[in-house]
Amino acid sequence: MPDEGVPLPRDVVELQTELLQCRANLYDTGTGLPSVAMVLDRVRRMLDEEDTIRVFVIRIEQEQSLEASVGWEAYDRVLALVASYLREVLSLHGKGRAVLAVDAVRGDRFVIFVMGRRHGQDLADALHGPVPVEPVEGDGGAEEIRLRVGQGTIRRDPILRIERCIYAGIEEALNDFERRGEELDLERRNELTRVLRERSIRILFQPILRLPQRTIVGYEALSRGPEGSYLESADNLFGFAEREGVLGELERLCVEKALGAAHRLPLGSNLFINLSYIGLDSLDDARGGLGHLVRQAGWSPREFVLEITERAYARDPEKVKRQLSDLRRQGFRIAIDDMGTGYSSLNIVADLQPDYIKLDRMLVRDLHHEPIKRNLVQAITGFARSSQSLIIAEGVEKGEEASVLQELGVHLLQGFYFGRPRSMG
């Protein structure tokens, strides 16, 4: 062993670096799983025992919207949760006769190899159920996610190289995965068309309270698709609409429905509605714009708070800034939503000077246990005070969170602790 402090030869350092890079390319640190390349020997041994084994390719069903909706950091956490769930499923149904891997490091597809017809069928049945997750407050309010599964068969052929047999089986599973996706897309496309044609959007309202008095200062309007359908959750509804190129049309419908339903709210309530970059652009192009739509519904722009995410602003800062400036001249108020996410930038707040800043629920969650989060909230609160913006904390689920927020000077709160979204009909 070389003495401590003695520099290693350059070729040794380079070799160590290459080994670390090799390991990084073979193991996914986020899920703790090996890549397919790392498990080829184990799969080969499985084929020595049985000439045919089954392979599953698995991906989160909401993949078209989930990462864009929550950001890559939160999406990575969801992938780690799914990996843990798959390990649990294999402990129940794999019986030591299955291998779990990732299709590629830092990707989002999982691969399972399993021996035995019965084990394979049990596993297939288990994978088609929902994956339970900790309830997450937000537009989707989802308490579960679903997986899409493609299936293939790996057949040992003595004429062919065994690795190519394995990859041929994976390719078969991938093709099955895509075929299932196309069938689901057609169903959902038809469902979305019906929603737009029949205007079957449901509007729920969640109160925003001022503490310590617990007086309601406003309500956020949240849109949902038909109950029991894939489009019921906001993530699926808006994510699929964006993918199909009809997000602007959908968001205009949601605004119209929210304005109609909001007449049941207590007199003097402020109405908070979230719009994406596409929705803002679509309403800006409509005849008379958002102002005409709001006044036509009997509302004053002063009662209307438009929530814009920092991601929406980042799409085209100068254009969004012009649009928001025009809306403010008409009397609308502006809120920056999801402050504290990976997209956050205090420069955006300084640039837009919003009336409200809404702290993201991930920053609020377990605030009483995490000093770093408290420091971040304190910094944002001080910045907001200097820019004359009011802070609203979203996703408050515990009394301890509410208490710490008040200590930090945040007195406008929204969350399950005070009331779940509900219809006012």
Protein backbone atom coordinates (compact mmCIF):
# COMPACT_ATOMS: atom_id res chain seq x y z
CA MET A 1 0.00 0.00 0.00
CA PRO A 2 1.43 3.43 -0.86
CA ASP A 3 2.08 5.82 2.04
CA GLU A 4 -0.63 8.37 2.77
CA GLY A 5 0.14 11.71 1.20
CA VAL A 6 2.17 10.16 -1.62
CA PRO A 7 0.45 11.03 -4.92
CA LEU A 8 -0.65 8.06 -6.98
CA PRO A 9 0.86 7.54 -10.41
CA ARG A 10 -1.11 9.19 -13.17
CA ASP A 11 -2.10 5.88 -14.79
CA VAL A 12 -3.52 4.63 -11.44
CA VAL A 13 -5.58 7.81 -11.01
CA GLU A 14 -6.88 7.48 -14.56
CA LEU A 15 -7.73 3.82 -13.95
CA GLN A 16 -9.63 4.67 -10.76
CA THR A 17 -11.51 7.41 -12.60
CA GLU A 18 -12.43 5.03 -15.39
CA LEU A 19 -13.63 2.44 -12.85
CA LEU A 20 -15.84 5.03 -11.16
CA GLN A 21 -17.23 6.13 -14.52
CA CYS A 22 -17.85 2.50 -15.46
CA ARG A 23 -19.72 1.87 -12.21
CA ALA A 24 -21.79 5.04 -12.75
CA ASN A 25 -22.81 3.69 -16.14
CA LEU A 26 -23.79 0.28 -14.74
CA TYR A 27 -25.68 1.19 -11.55
CA ASP A 28 -28.50 3.69 -11.23
CA THR A 29 -27.85 5.60 -8.01
CA GLY A 30 -31.38 7.02 -7.84
CA THR A 31 -33.09 3.62 -7.65
CA GLY A 32 -30.15 1.55 -6.45
CA LEU A 33 -30.71 -0.90 -9.31
CA PRO A 34 -28.25 -2.39 -11.79
CA SER A 35 -28.61 -1.80 -15.50
CA VAL A 36 -29.57 -4.63 -17.86
CA ALA A 37 -25.92 -4.94 -18.91
CA MET A 38 -25.00 -5.75 -15.31
CA VAL A 39 -27.49 -8.62 -14.96
CA LEU A 40 -26.83 -10.41 -18.25
CA ASP A 41 -24.84 -13.16 -16.52
CA ARG A 42 -27.68 -13.80 -14.07
CA VAL A 43 -30.18 -13.96 -16.91
CA ARG A 44 -27.89 -16.33 -18.76
CA ARG A 45 -27.87 -18.63 -15.73
CA MET A 46 -31.67 -18.46 -15.63
CA LEU A 47 -31.74 -19.63 -19.23
CA ASP A 48 -29.44 -22.51 -18.29
CA GLU A 49 -32.21 -23.71 -15.94
CA GLU A 50 -35.13 -23.01 -18.25
CA ASP A 51 -35.05 -22.59 -22.02
CA THR A 52 -37.72 -19.90 -21.89
CA ILE A 53 -38.16 -17.02 -19.43
CA ARG A 54 -40.47 -13.98 -19.40
CA VAL A 55 -39.40 -10.37 -19.47
CA PHE A 56 -41.40 -7.30 -18.46
CA VAL A 57 -40.70 -3.69 -19.41
CA ILE A 58 -42.34 -1.28 -16.95
CA ARG A 59 -42.80 2.47 -16.89
CA ILE A 60 -44.96 4.91 -14.95
CA GLU A 61 -48.21 5.33 -16.87
CA GLN A 62 -48.28 9.12 -16.39
CA GLU A 63 -44.90 9.51 -18.03
CA GLN A 64 -46.18 11.99 -20.60
CA SER A 65 -46.93 14.55 -17.88
CA LEU A 66 -45.53 13.59 -14.52
CA GLU A 67 -41.92 14.76 -14.85
CA ALA A 68 -43.01 17.96 -16.60
CA SER A 69 -45.59 18.50 -13.87
CA VAL A 70 -43.46 17.95 -10.77
CA GLY A 71 -39.91 18.52 -12.05
CA TRP A 72 -37.09 16.02 -12.46
CA GLU A 73 -36.06 15.98 -8.79
CA ALA A 74 -39.53 14.99 -7.59
CA TYR A 75 -39.84 12.57 -10.51
CA ASP A 76 -36.60 10.88 -9.45
CA ARG A 77 -38.09 10.42 -5.99
CA VAL A 78 -41.16 8.80 -7.53
CA LEU A 79 -38.93 6.45 -9.55
CA ALA A 80 -37.14 5.43 -6.34
CA LEU A 81 -40.53 4.73 -4.78
CA VAL A 82 -41.55 2.58 -7.77
CA ALA A 83 -38.25 0.67 -7.55
CA SER A 84 -38.97 -0.05 -3.89
CA TYR A 85 -42.49 -1.18 -4.78
CA LEU A 86 -41.18 -3.52 -7.48
CA ARG A 87 -38.72 -5.07 -5.04
CA GLU A 88 -41.62 -5.72 -2.67
CA VAL A 89 -43.70 -7.28 -5.45
CA LEU A 90 -40.80 -9.56 -6.39
CA SER A 91 -40.36 -10.63 -2.78
CA LEU A 92 -43.98 -11.81 -2.84
CA HIS A 93 -44.26 -13.20 -6.36
CA GLY A 94 -40.72 -13.70 -7.65
CA LYS A 95 -39.69 -16.16 -4.93
CA GLY A 96 -36.03 -15.62 -5.75
CA ARG A 97 -36.66 -16.53 -9.40
CA ALA A 98 -36.70 -12.99 -10.78
CA VAL A 99 -34.18 -10.24 -11.54
CA LEU A 100 -34.98 -6.51 -11.44
CA ALA A 101 -32.96 -3.93 -13.37
CA VAL A 102 -33.23 -0.57 -15.10
CA ASP A 103 -33.31 -0.37 -18.86
CA ALA A 104 -30.69 2.40 -18.75
CA VAL A 105 -28.95 4.35 -16.01
CA ARG A 106 -30.82 7.60 -15.26
CA GLY A 107 -33.70 6.41 -17.42
CA ASP A 108 -37.23 5.69 -16.24
CA ARG A 109 -37.94 2.16 -17.51
CA PHE A 110 -37.63 -0.94 -15.36
CA VAL A 111 -36.99 -4.47 -16.61
CA ILE A 112 -37.88 -7.70 -14.81
CA PHE A 113 -36.73 -11.18 -15.88
CA VAL A 114 -38.66 -14.05 -14.30
CA MET A 115 -38.54 -17.85 -14.51
CA GLY A 116 -41.57 -20.10 -14.31
CA ARG A 117 -44.95 -19.73 -15.98
CA ARG A 118 -46.82 -19.46 -12.67
CA HIS A 119 -44.44 -16.89 -11.20
CA GLY A 120 -44.62 -14.91 -14.43
CA GLN A 121 -48.43 -14.82 -14.40
CA ASP A 122 -48.59 -13.89 -10.71
CA LEU A 123 -46.14 -11.09 -11.35
CA ALA A 124 -48.08 -9.85 -14.41
CA ASP A 125 -51.28 -9.68 -12.35
CA ALA A 126 -49.55 -7.78 -9.53
CA LEU A 127 -47.98 -5.23 -11.87
CA HIS A 128 -51.33 -4.19 -13.32
CA GLY A 129 -52.52 -2.88 -9.97
CA PRO A 130 -52.02 0.69 -8.73
CA VAL A 131 -48.83 1.65 -6.90
CA PRO A 132 -49.78 3.26 -3.57
CA VAL A 133 -47.94 6.48 -2.75
CA GLU A 134 -48.07 8.90 0.14
CA PRO A 135 -50.97 11.31 -0.54
CA VAL A 136 -49.59 14.41 -2.20
CA GLU A 137 -51.55 17.59 -2.10
CA GLY A 138 -51.77 19.53 -5.34
CA ASP A 139 -53.77 19.81 -8.50
CA GLY A 140 -53.80 16.06 -9.02
CA GLY A 141 -54.29 15.06 -5.42
CA ALA A 142 -53.13 11.61 -6.52
CA GLU A 143 -52.72 8.88 -3.92
CA GLU A 144 -51.56 6.25 -6.41
CA ILE A 145 -49.80 5.90 -9.71
CA ARG A 146 -50.20 3.23 -12.34
CA LEU A 147 -47.65 1.33 -14.36
CA ARG A 148 -47.73 0.38 -18.01
CA VAL A 149 -46.30 -3.08 -18.62
CA GLY A 150 -45.04 -4.68 -21.82
CA GLN A 151 -44.33 -8.41 -21.93
CA GLY A 152 -41.97 -10.51 -23.98
CA THR A 153 -40.40 -13.96 -24.01
CA ILE A 154 -36.71 -14.84 -24.07
CA ARG A 155 -36.08 -18.16 -25.81
CA ARG A 156 -32.74 -19.91 -25.72
CA ASP A 157 -31.57 -20.76 -29.23
CA PRO A 158 -28.25 -22.66 -29.48
CA ILE A 159 -27.65 -21.21 -32.95
CA LEU A 160 -27.77 -17.61 -31.71
CA ARG A 161 -25.55 -15.77 -29.28
CA ILE A 162 -27.37 -15.81 -25.94
CA GLU A 163 -27.04 -12.03 -25.42
CA ARG A 164 -28.92 -11.47 -28.68
CA CYS A 165 -31.62 -13.86 -27.52
CA ILE A 166 -31.99 -11.79 -24.37
CA TYR A 167 -32.14 -8.48 -26.21
CA ALA A 168 -34.62 -9.93 -28.71
CA GLY A 169 -36.93 -10.76 -25.79
CA ILE A 170 -36.52 -7.24 -24.39
CA GLU A 171 -37.32 -5.81 -27.82
CA GLU A 172 -40.49 -7.92 -27.94
CA ALA A 173 -41.51 -6.52 -24.55
CA LEU A 174 -40.77 -2.97 -25.73
CA ASN A 175 -42.93 -3.46 -28.81
CA ASP A 176 -45.75 -4.78 -26.63
CA PHE A 177 -45.28 -1.79 -24.35
CA GLU A 178 -45.64 0.63 -27.29
CA ARG A 179 -48.64 -1.22 -28.69
CA ARG A 180 -50.44 -1.02 -25.36
CA GLY A 181 -49.60 2.66 -25.20
CA GLU A 182 -51.09 3.31 -28.63
CA GLU A 183 -54.31 1.54 -27.63
CA LEU A 184 -54.52 3.56 -24.40
CA ASP A 185 -53.80 6.79 -26.25
CA LEU A 186 -56.70 6.15 -28.62
CA GLU A 187 -59.06 5.54 -25.68
CA ARG A 188 -57.88 8.66 -23.91
CA ARG A 189 -57.99 10.77 -27.04
CA ASN A 190 -61.63 9.83 -27.48
CA GLU A 191 -62.28 10.52 -23.80
CA LEU A 192 -60.67 13.96 -24.02
CA THR A 193 -62.70 14.78 -27.12
CA ARG A 194 -65.88 13.93 -25.19
CA VAL A 195 -64.79 16.08 -22.24
CA LEU A 196 -64.26 19.09 -24.49
CA ARG A 197 -67.44 18.50 -26.49
CA GLU A 198 -69.65 17.90 -23.46
CA ARG A 199 -67.81 20.44 -21.27
CA SER A 200 -67.67 17.77 -18.55
CA ILE A 201 -65.07 19.49 -16.37
CA ARG A 202 -65.68 19.47 -12.64
CA ILE A 203 -64.56 22.46 -10.59
CA LEU A 204 -63.49 22.08 -6.97
CA PHE A 205 -62.61 24.93 -4.65
CA GLN A 206 -60.04 24.96 -1.86
CA PRO A 207 -60.08 27.80 0.69
CA ILE A 208 -57.16 30.10 1.44
CA LEU A 209 -57.24 31.30 5.05
CA ARG A 210 -55.67 34.12 7.01
CA LEU A 211 -54.33 33.09 10.43
CA PRO A 212 -54.73 33.42 13.33
CA GLN A 213 -58.27 34.65 12.65
CA ARG A 214 -58.98 31.76 10.22
CA THR A 215 -60.88 34.08 7.92
CA ILE A 216 -61.23 32.93 4.30
CA VAL A 217 -59.66 35.40 1.88
CA GLY A 218 -60.22 33.43 -1.31
CA TYR A 219 -60.55 30.10 -3.05
CA GLU A 220 -58.37 28.33 -5.59
CA ALA A 221 -60.34 26.75 -8.43
CA LEU A 222 -59.08 23.25 -9.28
CA SER A 223 -60.22 21.41 -12.41
CA ARG A 224 -60.90 17.69 -12.65
CA GLY A 225 -62.06 15.37 -15.40
CA PRO A 226 -65.00 12.96 -15.12
CA GLU A 227 -64.98 10.90 -11.92
CA GLY A 228 -63.51 7.42 -12.26
CA SER A 229 -61.83 8.18 -15.58
CA TYR A 230 -58.15 8.40 -16.45
CA LEU A 231 -58.62 12.14 -16.94
CA GLU A 232 -60.03 12.66 -13.46
CA SER A 233 -56.70 13.80 -12.03
CA ALA A 234 -55.39 17.20 -13.08
CA ASP A 235 -51.96 15.80 -13.95
CA ASN A 236 -53.46 13.38 -16.47
CA LEU A 237 -56.06 15.83 -17.75
CA PHE A 238 -53.72 18.72 -18.49
CA GLY A 239 -50.70 16.57 -19.35
CA PHE A 240 -52.58 14.59 -21.99
CA ALA A 241 -54.29 17.72 -23.35
CA GLU A 242 -50.90 19.38 -23.81
CA ARG A 243 -49.58 16.29 -25.56
CA GLU A 244 -52.60 16.35 -27.91
CA GLY A 245 -52.19 20.05 -28.67
CA VAL A 246 -55.51 21.17 -27.10
CA LEU A 247 -54.26 22.56 -23.78
CA GLY A 248 -55.29 26.12 -24.67
CA GLU A 249 -58.83 25.01 -25.49
CA LEU A 250 -59.04 22.98 -22.28
CA GLU A 251 -57.78 25.79 -20.06
CA ARG A 252 -60.25 28.27 -21.55
CA LEU A 253 -63.04 25.78 -20.79
CA CYS A 254 -61.76 25.41 -17.22
CA VAL A 255 -61.73 29.19 -16.72
CA GLU A 256 -65.27 29.46 -18.05
CA LYS A 257 -66.50 26.64 -15.81
CA ALA A 258 -64.70 28.08 -12.77
CA LEU A 259 -66.21 31.53 -13.33
CA GLY A 260 -69.66 29.99 -13.55
CA ALA A 261 -69.26 27.80 -10.47
CA ALA A 262 -67.65 30.59 -8.42
CA HIS A 263 -70.97 32.43 -8.12
CA ARG A 264 -71.74 29.97 -5.30
CA LEU A 265 -68.77 31.24 -3.28
CA PRO A 266 -69.29 33.67 -0.38
CA LEU A 267 -69.69 37.28 -1.46
CA GLY A 268 -66.39 39.13 -1.74
CA SER A 269 -64.26 36.01 -2.25
CA ASN A 270 -61.13 36.26 -4.36
CA LEU A 271 -60.83 33.62 -7.07
CA PHE A 272 -57.41 32.07 -7.74
CA ILE A 273 -56.98 30.25 -11.08
CA ASN A 274 -53.80 28.68 -12.46
CA LEU A 275 -52.86 29.09 -16.12
CA SER A 276 -49.98 27.59 -18.07
CA TYR A 277 -47.97 29.48 -20.65
CA ILE A 278 -50.12 27.91 -23.38
CA GLY A 279 -53.37 28.76 -21.60
CA LEU A 280 -52.27 32.35 -21.04
CA ASP A 281 -51.36 32.64 -24.70
CA SER A 282 -54.65 31.10 -25.83
CA LEU A 283 -56.76 33.45 -23.70
CA ASP A 284 -54.67 36.39 -24.86
CA ASP A 285 -55.53 35.51 -28.48
CA ALA A 286 -59.26 35.00 -27.78
CA ARG A 287 -61.76 37.71 -28.69
CA GLY A 288 -61.69 40.29 -25.93
CA GLY A 289 -59.14 38.26 -23.99
CA LEU A 290 -59.36 37.15 -20.38
CA GLY A 291 -60.74 40.51 -19.25
CA HIS A 292 -63.78 40.18 -21.51
CA LEU A 293 -64.36 36.60 -20.37
CA VAL A 294 -64.23 37.58 -16.69
CA ARG A 295 -66.47 40.64 -17.02
CA GLN A 296 -68.93 38.71 -19.17
CA ALA A 297 -69.29 36.21 -16.30
CA GLY A 298 -70.13 39.04 -13.90
CA TRP A 299 -66.77 39.24 -12.18
CA SER A 300 -64.41 42.16 -11.69
CA PRO A 301 -60.76 41.63 -12.61
CA ARG A 302 -59.90 42.88 -9.11
CA GLU A 303 -61.51 39.71 -7.68
CA PHE A 304 -59.43 37.48 -9.92
CA VAL A 305 -55.89 36.26 -9.07
CA LEU A 306 -54.02 34.65 -11.92
CA GLU A 307 -51.48 32.01 -10.82
CA ILE A 308 -48.48 31.54 -13.11
CA THR A 309 -45.75 29.00 -12.45
CA GLU A 310 -42.13 30.00 -12.80
CA ARG A 311 -41.82 27.34 -15.50
CA ALA A 312 -44.53 29.10 -17.50
CA TYR A 313 -42.63 32.37 -17.20
CA ALA A 314 -39.39 30.70 -18.28
CA ARG A 315 -40.93 29.61 -21.61
CA ASP A 316 -40.81 33.19 -22.96
CA PRO A 317 -40.05 35.72 -20.20
CA GLU A 318 -40.46 38.88 -22.24
CA LYS A 319 -43.76 37.81 -23.81
CA VAL A 320 -45.22 36.61 -20.50
CA LYS A 321 -44.11 39.82 -18.80
CA ARG A 322 -45.92 41.90 -21.46
CA GLN A 323 -49.06 39.79 -21.14
CA LEU A 324 -49.09 40.03 -17.34
CA SER A 325 -48.45 43.77 -17.43
CA ASP A 326 -51.48 44.22 -19.68
CA LEU A 327 -53.63 42.08 -17.37
CA ARG A 328 -52.52 44.08 -14.33
CA ARG A 329 -53.48 47.32 -16.05
CA GLN A 330 -56.98 45.82 -16.39
CA GLY A 331 -57.07 45.16 -12.64
CA PHE A 332 -56.03 41.51 -12.42
CA ARG A 333 -53.68 40.45 -9.66
CA ILE A 334 -50.81 38.04 -10.22
CA ALA A 335 -49.46 35.16 -8.14
CA ILE A 336 -46.24 33.20 -8.71
CA ASP A 337 -47.07 29.55 -8.04
CA ASP A 338 -44.79 26.72 -6.87
CA MET A 339 -42.14 28.94 -5.31
CA GLY A 340 -39.41 26.80 -3.80
CA THR A 341 -39.29 24.12 -6.51
CA GLY A 342 -36.23 23.31 -8.61
CA TYR A 343 -37.30 26.00 -11.07
CA SER A 344 -37.38 28.79 -8.51
CA SER A 345 -35.58 32.05 -9.02
CA LEU A 346 -35.94 35.17 -6.91
CA ASN A 347 -35.02 37.09 -10.06
CA ILE A 348 -38.38 36.12 -11.55
CA VAL A 349 -40.18 37.50 -8.52
CA ALA A 350 -38.17 40.71 -8.74
CA ASP A 351 -38.94 40.95 -12.43
CA LEU A 352 -42.70 40.34 -12.18
CA GLN A 353 -43.33 41.90 -8.73
CA PRO A 354 -46.36 39.65 -8.10
CA ASP A 355 -49.12 40.41 -5.63
CA TYR A 356 -48.78 36.91 -4.16
CA ILE A 357 -46.05 34.31 -3.90
CA LYS A 358 -47.29 30.74 -3.29
CA LEU A 359 -44.82 28.48 -1.51
CA ASP A 360 -44.69 25.04 -3.07
CA ARG A 361 -46.10 22.18 -0.96
CA MET A 362 -42.74 20.34 -1.06
CA LEU A 363 -41.14 23.29 0.75
CA VAL A 364 -43.96 23.34 3.33
CA ARG A 365 -44.08 19.61 4.04
CA ASP A 366 -42.52 18.73 7.43
CA LEU A 367 -41.23 22.27 7.73
CA HIS A 368 -41.22 21.90 11.52
CA HIS A 369 -38.66 19.10 11.27
CA GLU A 370 -36.32 20.57 8.66
CA PRO A 371 -34.24 23.67 9.56
CA ILE A 372 -33.06 24.16 5.96
CA LYS A 373 -36.64 24.53 4.77
CA ARG A 374 -37.33 27.01 7.56
CA ASN A 375 -34.33 29.06 6.49
CA LEU A 376 -35.52 29.05 2.88
CA VAL A 377 -39.02 30.16 3.86
CA GLN A 378 -37.55 32.88 6.05
CA ALA A 379 -35.42 34.14 3.16
CA ILE A 380 -38.35 34.12 0.74
CA THR A 381 -40.58 35.86 3.30
CA GLY A 382 -38.02 38.63 3.79
CA PHE A 383 -37.64 39.05 0.05
CA ALA A 384 -41.42 39.14 -0.43
CA ARG A 385 -41.80 41.78 2.28
CA SER A 386 -39.29 44.03 0.54
CA SER A 387 -41.10 43.58 -2.79
CA GLN A 388 -44.54 44.09 -1.17
CA SER A 389 -45.78 40.63 -2.11
CA LEU A 390 -47.95 38.49 0.14
CA ILE A 391 -46.92 34.88 0.85
CA ILE A 392 -49.39 31.98 0.62
CA ALA A 393 -48.23 28.57 1.84
CA GLU A 394 -49.75 25.66 -0.10
CA GLY A 395 -50.03 22.05 1.00
CA VAL A 396 -50.33 22.64 4.75
CA GLU A 397 -51.33 19.27 6.17
CA LYS A 398 -50.29 19.51 9.84
CA GLY A 399 -50.87 21.92 12.67
CA GLU A 400 -47.13 22.00 13.38
CA GLU A 401 -46.47 23.24 9.84
CA ALA A 402 -49.08 25.98 10.27
CA SER A 403 -47.53 27.08 13.57
CA VAL A 404 -44.00 27.36 12.16
CA LEU A 405 -45.26 29.25 9.10
CA GLN A 406 -46.94 31.82 11.33
CA GLU A 407 -43.75 32.19 13.37
CA LEU A 408 -41.93 32.90 10.10
CA GLY A 409 -44.45 35.57 9.13
CA VAL A 410 -46.58 33.56 6.70
CA HIS A 411 -50.24 34.09 7.60
CA LEU A 412 -52.06 33.04 4.40
CA LEU A 413 -52.35 29.26 4.30
CA GLN A 414 -53.98 26.64 2.10
CA GLY A 415 -54.07 22.88 2.52
CA PHE A 416 -55.77 19.71 3.65
CA TYR A 417 -55.34 20.80 7.28
CA PHE A 418 -57.90 23.57 6.68
CA GLY A 419 -60.05 21.99 3.98
CA ARG A 420 -59.87 19.66 1.01
CA PRO A 421 -60.96 20.78 -2.45
CA ARG A 422 -64.72 20.37 -2.80
CA SER A 423 -67.58 21.24 -5.10
CA MET A 424 -69.69 24.25 -4.12
CA GLY A 425 -72.79 22.88 -5.84
